[in-house]
Structures are given as C-alpha cells and as structure tokens.
Amino acid sequence: MPELFATVADLVAQVADVPAGQVTPEVRFDALANWTSLEALRLLTVIEDDLDVRLDLREYLAVTDVAGLVALIAAERDGVPR
C-alpha cells in the first residue's frame, strides 16, 4: 500500500496545490489551505481516472483524511464490501 499512498498523496498535492511533502496519511482534507468542495470533486475525478476505480460518492465524501482515502481506494480495488 505504500505505492498507493504515494500516488494518492501526489494527486492530493496537485489538486490542493500544496507541496507533496505536506501530504501525510494523517492530513485532514479540511486542514488543507486551498480545500473546498470543488477540490474534493476534482480529486474524485482525478482518482477515478488515474487509478481506474469508481468510488461511491457518499463514502468518498465521508472520508476525512488521506489515510482513509487510501483505505477506501484499496478496498474498492480489492472488491471488499463496505
């Protein structure tokens, strides 16, 4: 999962326009300076396109931090029911 975290962290950094080094598993999306609902939707689109997954919108919007997002993506890739 370290590779998945690195990919997701890079996408978060790009969408939120923050340095990649600032994106850790503990980072909460609402703590990012440039984070709005528009960035949340942009990130969802980028993740779905780049990682070839489809995330449930409600589950995605309920995620509060990067670690939770990585776990959600990993579960979707593995076909784990939530």
Protein backbone atom coordinates (compact mmCIF):
# COMPACT_ATOMS: atom_id res chain seq x y z
CA MET A 1 0.00 0.00 0.00
CA PRO A 2 2.95 2.44 0.23
CA GLU A 3 2.86 2.80 -3.55
CA LEU A 4 -0.86 3.58 -3.46
CA PHE A 5 -0.32 6.14 -0.71
CA ALA A 6 2.42 7.86 -2.73
CA THR A 7 0.16 8.06 -5.77
CA VAL A 8 -2.82 9.37 -3.79
CA ALA A 9 -0.63 11.86 -1.90
CA ASP A 10 0.71 13.18 -5.19
CA LEU A 11 -2.82 13.59 -6.57
CA VAL A 12 -3.98 15.36 -3.39
CA ALA A 13 -0.98 17.69 -3.58
CA GLN A 14 -1.69 18.53 -7.21
CA VAL A 15 -5.39 19.19 -6.70
CA ALA A 16 -4.96 21.11 -3.45
CA ASP A 17 -1.91 22.97 -4.78
CA VAL A 18 0.27 22.12 -1.78
CA PRO A 19 3.78 20.67 -1.64
CA ALA A 20 3.71 16.87 -1.83
CA GLY A 21 5.80 16.66 1.33
CA GLN A 22 2.96 18.18 3.31
CA VAL A 23 0.57 15.35 2.43
CA THR A 24 0.87 12.64 5.08
CA PRO A 25 -1.60 9.90 5.99
CA GLU A 26 -2.83 11.98 8.93
CA VAL A 27 -3.58 15.10 6.89
CA ARG A 28 -7.24 16.04 7.10
CA PHE A 29 -8.73 17.47 3.94
CA ASP A 30 -10.44 20.29 5.84
CA ALA A 31 -7.00 21.37 7.11
CA LEU A 32 -5.62 21.97 3.62
CA ALA A 33 -5.49 25.70 2.92
CA ASN A 34 -7.00 25.52 -0.55
CA TRP A 35 -9.55 22.77 0.11
CA THR A 36 -13.14 23.36 -0.97
CA SER A 37 -15.96 21.18 -2.24
CA LEU A 38 -14.76 21.89 -5.77
CA GLU A 39 -11.31 20.48 -4.98
CA ALA A 40 -12.97 17.44 -3.40
CA LEU A 41 -14.87 16.74 -6.61
CA ARG A 42 -11.80 17.41 -8.74
CA LEU A 43 -9.82 14.93 -6.64
CA LEU A 44 -12.54 12.31 -7.00
CA THR A 45 -12.44 12.69 -10.78
CA VAL A 46 -8.65 12.52 -10.92
CA ILE A 47 -8.54 9.45 -8.67
CA GLU A 48 -11.18 7.64 -10.68
CA ASP A 49 -9.46 8.44 -13.97
CA ASP A 50 -5.85 7.84 -12.90
CA LEU A 51 -6.43 4.78 -10.71
CA ASP A 52 -9.26 3.27 -12.77
CA VAL A 53 -11.63 2.88 -9.81
CA ARG A 54 -15.18 4.04 -9.17
CA LEU A 55 -15.86 5.27 -5.66
CA ASP A 56 -19.25 5.70 -4.06
CA LEU A 57 -19.77 9.45 -3.70
CA ARG A 58 -21.21 9.25 -0.17
CA GLU A 59 -18.38 7.05 1.06
CA TYR A 60 -15.82 9.30 -0.61
CA LEU A 61 -17.26 12.48 0.91
CA ALA A 62 -17.33 10.83 4.36
CA VAL A 63 -13.56 10.30 4.28
CA THR A 64 -11.81 12.93 6.39
CA ASP A 65 -8.11 12.21 5.88
CA VAL A 66 -5.63 10.87 3.37
CA ALA A 67 -5.23 7.51 5.15
CA GLY A 68 -8.98 6.96 4.96
CA LEU A 69 -8.98 7.78 1.27
CA VAL A 70 -6.17 5.33 0.59
CA ALA A 71 -8.06 2.64 2.53
CA LEU A 72 -11.25 3.36 0.56
CA ILE A 73 -9.42 3.09 -2.76
CA ALA A 74 -7.62 -0.10 -1.69
CA ALA A 75 -10.91 -1.68 -0.62
CA GLU A 76 -12.53 -0.75 -3.93
CA ARG A 77 -9.62 -2.23 -5.87
CA ASP A 78 -9.80 -5.42 -3.82
CA GLY A 79 -13.57 -5.66 -4.17
CA VAL A 80 -14.08 -5.58 -0.41
CA PRO A 81 -17.71 -4.87 0.52
CA ARG A 82 -18.18 -1.91 2.86
